[in-house]
Amino acid sequence: MPSSSPETVTRFAPSPSGYLHLGHAHSALFAWRAARAAGGRFLLRIEDIDNPRSDPAFMDAILEDLSWLGLDWEDPVRHQSGQLDSYAAALEGLRDRGLLYPCFCTRSTIRAEIAASGHAPHGPSGAVYPGTCRTLSPDARGTYLAQGKPYGLRLDIAKALDSTGPLTWIDRGRGEIQADPLSHGDVVLARKDIATSYHLAVTLDDADQGVTLVTRGEDLFPMTDIHRLLQALLGLPVPQWHHHGLLRDEQGERLAKRDDALSIRALRQAGKSPAEVRALAGFPD
C-alpha cells in the first residue's frame, strides 16, 4: 500500500531585534493557517543567534503579540541560541570533507577585489564573492591562522555540487525548481562573530524540528537553492516550500521593523482589535 502523506508541520521564526509588524503578522498567519487547514502542527522558533541585536524584551513581546492575534503553537518554543552545538557538529563534518575554507576577507577587501577585477558578477543577493580566500596558498592561510586573524567559514559551492550532483526543490506556488547554488557564490556558513549563519541554522533547525512545509516571504525564494544544497550535503529530509508575497507600504517598500506605526504593538495601543489587525495583515476573518 502507498505510504500516507507526511503530517504538515509549519513554523514562524522571527528574530528578537524589534517589535513584530504587519509583515510578520502576515507571515505568521500564513504558516499558522497552512498547518491548521491540513490538521497539522505550527511551531514557533526564535532566531536569536545575533546576540548584539537580540533583546529579551522583544522575545517576550513576540509571544505576547502572536497570542493576542489569536495564534497558538506547539511547546516548547525553540531558541537558536540553544542549538550551537548542533551547528558546530555540522560545520565540523563539512570541514572534514574539505568543503569549507576560512575566509579572512572584510567587506571592504571584497569590494576592493571586485573593483580591481573590473567586473562584479551578480547573483540573486547582489555581488558574488570572488573566491579570494579559496585560492589562498597553504602558506598564506597558515600564516593568517597563526596570527589569529579573524575568519569566517565559506562553503566551496562548486566542490559541494560535485558531491551532490544536480538538485531540485518544490515550491507550492511555482512547482519544481532547478536549484542553482553556483549563482550565489561561496556563501558564509559561520561568521567571524557568530559560529553559524542563517543558511546553516535555519536548515538544521527545520530538519530537527520536522518541518515539512517552509512558508516564508518571496524575498527568500533564491536562498532556497543554498538550503537545498545543505540538505543534500548533510543527509537531511527535504521539505516543500511556499514563498508568499510581501506586505508593502504606500510607497511600495516592504515593511521593516523601523516602521513603528505599523508594529503590532503600536496598532494594539491605538485600539485596534485582533480581527482588525489580522485583516490589515491580509487575513480577514
Protein backbone atom coordinates (compact mmCIF):
# COMPACT_ATOMS: atom_id res chain seq x y z
CA MET A 1 0.00 0.00 0.00
CA PRO A 2 1.29 3.54 -0.71
CA SER A 3 2.50 5.43 2.33
CA SER A 4 0.37 8.29 3.61
CA SER A 5 1.46 11.89 3.12
CA PRO A 6 3.60 13.28 5.94
CA GLU A 7 1.95 15.46 8.54
CA THR A 8 2.06 19.15 7.69
CA VAL A 9 4.39 20.97 10.07
CA THR A 10 4.98 24.70 9.58
CA ARG A 11 6.88 27.29 11.58
CA PHE A 12 7.30 31.02 12.14
CA ALA A 13 10.84 32.09 13.01
CA PRO A 14 11.24 35.78 13.90
CA SER A 15 14.38 37.40 15.27
CA PRO A 16 14.02 39.34 18.56
CA SER A 17 15.55 42.58 17.30
CA GLY A 18 12.38 44.67 17.27
CA TYR A 19 8.60 44.57 17.54
CA LEU A 20 6.65 42.48 15.07
CA HIS A 21 4.98 44.46 12.28
CA LEU A 22 2.16 43.68 9.87
CA GLY A 23 4.52 41.85 7.53
CA HIS A 24 5.46 39.49 10.36
CA ALA A 25 1.78 39.04 11.18
CA HIS A 26 1.10 38.08 7.55
CA SER A 27 3.92 35.53 7.56
CA ALA A 28 2.91 34.04 10.92
CA LEU A 29 -0.77 33.81 9.94
CA PHE A 30 0.15 32.26 6.57
CA ALA A 31 2.12 29.47 8.27
CA TRP A 32 -0.41 29.01 11.10
CA ARG A 33 -3.35 28.72 8.72
CA ALA A 34 -1.48 26.32 6.42
CA ALA A 35 -0.91 24.00 9.36
CA ARG A 36 -4.46 24.31 10.68
CA ALA A 37 -6.02 23.73 7.24
CA ALA A 38 -4.10 20.45 6.94
CA GLY A 39 -4.72 19.35 10.52
CA GLY A 40 -1.02 19.71 11.20
CA ARG A 41 1.25 21.46 13.67
CA PHE A 42 2.55 25.04 13.90
CA LEU A 43 5.88 25.74 15.60
CA LEU A 44 7.47 28.93 16.87
CA ARG A 45 11.23 29.42 16.73
CA ILE A 46 13.20 32.44 17.95
CA GLU A 47 16.23 33.15 15.75
CA ASP A 48 18.39 34.77 18.41
CA ILE A 49 21.92 33.85 17.31
CA ASP A 50 22.73 37.50 16.55
CA ASN A 51 23.43 38.33 20.20
CA PRO A 52 24.24 42.05 19.82
CA ARG A 53 20.85 42.67 18.20
CA SER A 54 18.74 40.24 20.26
CA ASP A 55 16.78 41.65 23.19
CA PRO A 56 14.88 39.51 25.74
CA ALA A 57 12.20 42.20 25.90
CA PHE A 58 11.44 41.68 22.23
CA MET A 59 11.32 37.90 22.78
CA ASP A 60 8.56 38.41 25.34
CA ALA A 61 6.77 40.85 23.04
CA ILE A 62 6.80 38.34 20.17
CA LEU A 63 4.98 35.74 22.26
CA GLU A 64 2.52 38.27 23.62
CA ASP A 65 1.68 39.82 20.26
CA LEU A 66 1.22 36.48 18.49
CA SER A 67 -1.02 35.20 21.27
CA TRP A 68 -3.05 38.44 21.12
CA LEU A 69 -3.51 37.89 17.37
CA GLY A 70 -5.09 34.52 18.17
CA LEU A 71 -2.22 32.22 17.23
CA ASP A 72 -1.23 29.17 19.23
CA TRP A 73 1.76 26.91 18.78
CA GLU A 74 3.30 23.71 20.00
CA ASP A 75 5.59 23.94 23.02
CA PRO A 76 8.42 24.31 23.62
CA VAL A 77 9.43 27.43 21.74
CA ARG A 78 12.84 26.76 20.20
CA HIS A 79 15.69 29.25 20.58
CA GLN A 80 18.55 29.05 18.11
CA SER A 81 20.98 30.19 20.80
CA GLY A 82 20.45 26.78 22.42
CA GLN A 83 21.44 24.85 19.28
CA LEU A 84 25.05 25.99 18.83
CA ASP A 85 26.47 22.50 19.43
CA SER A 86 24.36 21.16 16.56
CA TYR A 87 25.62 23.85 14.21
CA ALA A 88 29.23 23.24 15.27
CA ALA A 89 28.92 19.50 14.61
CA ALA A 90 27.59 20.10 11.11
CA LEU A 91 30.40 22.53 10.35
CA GLU A 92 32.97 20.04 11.58
CA GLY A 93 31.58 17.37 9.28
CA LEU A 94 31.68 19.68 6.26
CA ARG A 95 35.20 20.79 7.17
CA ASP A 96 36.38 17.17 7.42
CA ARG A 97 35.13 16.61 3.87
CA GLY A 98 37.15 19.58 2.59
CA LEU A 99 34.05 21.59 1.70
CA LEU A 100 34.78 24.62 3.88
CA TYR A 101 37.60 27.12 3.85
CA PRO A 102 38.48 30.02 6.16
CA CYS A 103 37.74 33.47 4.76
CA PHE A 104 39.74 36.33 6.22
CA CYS A 105 38.21 38.99 3.95
CA THR A 106 36.40 42.04 5.24
CA ARG A 107 33.58 43.71 3.35
CA SER A 108 35.97 46.44 2.24
CA THR A 109 38.56 43.97 0.88
CA ILE A 110 35.84 42.13 -1.02
CA ARG A 111 34.64 45.39 -2.56
CA ALA A 112 38.22 46.29 -3.48
CA GLU A 113 38.81 42.86 -5.04
CA ILE A 114 35.68 43.18 -7.15
CA ALA A 115 36.61 46.71 -8.23
CA ALA A 116 40.12 45.62 -9.17
CA SER A 117 38.78 42.78 -11.32
CA GLY A 118 36.90 45.25 -13.48
CA HIS A 119 33.61 43.42 -13.21
CA ALA A 120 31.24 42.29 -10.47
CA PRO A 121 29.36 39.05 -11.13
CA HIS A 122 25.93 39.36 -9.58
CA GLY A 123 23.79 36.63 -8.10
CA PRO A 124 20.33 36.65 -6.52
CA SER A 125 21.62 38.58 -3.48
CA GLY A 126 23.94 41.02 -5.22
CA ALA A 127 27.66 40.91 -5.97
CA VAL A 128 29.09 37.38 -5.72
CA TYR A 129 32.11 36.73 -3.52
CA PRO A 130 35.10 36.42 -5.88
CA GLY A 131 36.68 33.44 -4.09
CA THR A 132 39.70 35.36 -2.82
CA CYS A 133 40.42 33.12 0.15
CA ARG A 134 39.52 29.90 -1.67
CA THR A 135 42.69 30.27 -3.72
CA LEU A 136 45.00 31.28 -0.86
CA SER A 137 48.21 29.26 -0.74
CA PRO A 138 48.58 26.88 2.21
CA ASP A 139 51.45 29.03 3.49
CA ALA A 140 49.40 32.23 3.43
CA ARG A 141 46.45 30.54 5.07
CA GLY A 142 48.69 29.06 7.76
CA THR A 143 50.28 32.43 8.43
CA TYR A 144 46.91 34.14 8.89
CA LEU A 145 45.72 31.38 11.22
CA ALA A 146 48.94 31.55 13.27
CA GLN A 147 48.49 35.31 13.58
CA GLY A 148 44.99 34.81 14.94
CA LYS A 149 43.41 36.77 12.12
CA PRO A 150 39.61 36.60 12.41
CA TYR A 151 37.86 34.50 9.80
CA GLY A 152 34.53 33.10 8.78
CA LEU A 153 33.89 29.79 7.05
CA ARG A 154 32.69 29.66 3.46
CA LEU A 155 31.22 26.72 1.60
CA ASP A 156 33.05 25.79 -1.61
CA ILE A 157 29.91 25.64 -3.75
CA ALA A 158 31.49 24.05 -6.82
CA LYS A 159 33.10 21.29 -4.78
CA ALA A 160 29.86 20.74 -2.86
CA LEU A 161 27.89 20.36 -6.10
CA ASP A 162 30.44 17.86 -7.37
CA SER A 163 29.47 15.82 -4.32
CA THR A 164 25.70 16.11 -4.67
CA GLY A 165 25.03 16.45 -8.39
CA PRO A 166 22.05 18.46 -9.73
CA LEU A 167 19.30 19.26 -7.25
CA THR A 168 15.68 20.36 -7.40
CA TRP A 169 13.12 21.56 -4.87
CA ILE A 170 9.35 22.08 -4.80
CA ASP A 171 7.64 25.42 -4.24
CA ARG A 172 3.87 25.02 -3.86
CA GLY A 173 3.27 28.24 -5.76
CA ARG A 174 5.72 27.68 -8.63
CA GLY A 175 6.26 23.95 -8.91
CA GLU A 176 9.57 22.14 -9.33
CA ILE A 177 12.61 24.44 -9.25
CA GLN A 178 16.09 23.59 -10.53
CA ALA A 179 18.45 24.61 -7.75
CA ASP A 180 21.25 26.98 -8.78
CA PRO A 181 23.60 27.32 -5.80
CA LEU A 182 26.51 28.36 -8.04
CA SER A 183 24.79 31.68 -8.74
CA HIS A 184 25.23 32.63 -5.07
CA GLY A 185 28.99 32.13 -4.93
CA ASP A 186 30.72 30.65 -1.88
CA VAL A 187 28.30 31.57 0.91
CA VAL A 188 29.29 32.07 4.55
CA LEU A 189 28.26 29.21 6.86
CA ALA A 190 29.94 30.59 10.00
CA ARG A 191 30.52 34.28 10.59
CA LYS A 192 33.55 35.80 12.26
CA ASP A 193 31.48 36.94 15.23
CA ILE A 194 28.92 34.10 15.32
CA ALA A 195 29.80 30.44 14.85
CA THR A 196 26.97 29.82 12.37
CA SER A 197 24.92 31.64 9.75
CA TYR A 198 21.29 32.00 8.73
CA HIS A 199 21.73 29.40 5.98
CA LEU A 200 23.13 26.70 8.24
CA ALA A 201 21.00 27.37 11.31
CA VAL A 202 17.65 27.52 9.52
CA THR A 203 18.36 24.36 7.51
CA LEU A 204 19.39 22.33 10.54
CA ASP A 205 16.57 23.63 12.72
CA ASP A 206 13.88 22.91 10.14
CA ALA A 207 15.15 19.35 9.79
CA ASP A 208 15.50 18.76 13.52
CA GLN A 209 12.01 20.12 14.22
CA GLY A 210 10.43 18.02 11.48
CA VAL A 211 9.19 20.96 9.43
CA THR A 212 7.58 19.62 6.24
CA LEU A 213 6.38 22.93 4.75
CA VAL A 214 8.61 26.01 4.97
CA THR A 215 6.50 29.12 4.45
CA ARG A 216 8.27 32.46 4.15
CA GLY A 217 8.41 35.66 2.11
CA GLU A 218 9.19 35.68 -1.59
CA ASP A 219 12.34 37.70 -0.86
CA LEU A 220 13.89 34.48 0.46
CA PHE A 221 12.98 32.42 -2.61
CA PRO A 222 16.56 32.45 -4.03
CA MET A 223 18.06 31.36 -0.70
CA THR A 224 16.32 28.00 -1.02
CA ASP A 225 18.98 26.93 -3.55
CA ILE A 226 21.57 27.04 -0.76
CA HIS A 227 19.32 25.34 1.78
CA ARG A 228 18.56 22.53 -0.65
CA LEU A 229 22.30 22.02 -1.19
CA LEU A 230 22.94 21.88 2.55
CA GLN A 231 20.17 19.31 2.97
CA ALA A 232 21.82 17.12 0.36
CA LEU A 233 25.28 17.51 1.89
CA LEU A 234 24.10 16.81 5.44
CA GLY A 235 21.68 13.99 4.61
CA LEU A 236 18.64 15.92 5.85
CA PRO A 237 14.99 15.40 4.88
CA VAL A 238 13.69 17.72 2.18
CA PRO A 239 10.53 19.72 2.92
CA GLN A 240 8.39 21.61 0.47
CA TRP A 241 8.34 25.41 0.41
CA HIS A 242 5.71 28.07 -0.16
CA HIS A 243 7.02 31.60 -0.66
CA HIS A 244 4.27 34.15 -0.15
CA GLY A 245 4.05 37.77 -1.24
CA LEU A 246 5.25 40.64 0.95
CA LEU A 247 3.16 43.37 2.52
CA ARG A 248 4.29 46.79 1.33
CA ASP A 249 3.72 50.38 2.37
CA GLU A 250 2.10 53.12 0.28
CA GLN A 251 5.42 53.74 -1.49
CA GLY A 252 5.71 50.09 -2.46
CA GLU A 253 8.51 49.40 0.01
CA ARG A 254 8.45 46.19 2.05
CA LEU A 255 7.61 46.68 5.71
CA ALA A 256 10.52 46.81 8.16
CA LYS A 257 10.90 46.85 11.93
CA ARG A 258 11.70 50.56 11.78
CA ASP A 259 8.09 51.17 10.69
CA ASP A 260 6.92 51.66 14.27
CA ALA A 261 3.45 52.86 13.31
CA LEU A 262 2.77 49.51 11.67
CA SER A 263 4.05 47.38 14.53
CA ILE A 264 1.57 45.06 16.20
CA ARG A 265 2.36 46.76 19.50
CA ALA A 266 1.53 50.24 18.14
CA LEU A 267 -1.67 49.04 16.48
CA ARG A 268 -2.76 47.43 19.74
CA GLN A 269 -2.08 50.65 21.63
CA ALA A 270 -4.06 52.57 19.03
CA GLY A 271 -7.11 50.47 19.92
CA LYS A 272 -7.18 48.05 17.01
CA SER A 273 -8.77 44.66 17.68
CA PRO A 274 -7.08 41.35 16.82
CA ALA A 275 -9.58 40.87 13.97
CA GLU A 276 -8.78 44.32 12.58
CA VAL A 277 -5.03 43.66 12.67
CA ARG A 278 -5.47 40.24 11.06
CA ALA A 279 -7.41 41.97 8.28
CA LEU A 280 -4.69 44.61 7.85
CA ALA A 281 -2.21 41.73 7.58
CA GLY A 282 -4.21 40.23 4.73
CA PHE A 283 -6.27 37.66 6.62
CA PRO A 284 -9.78 38.94 7.25
CA ASP A 285 -11.90 36.57 9.29
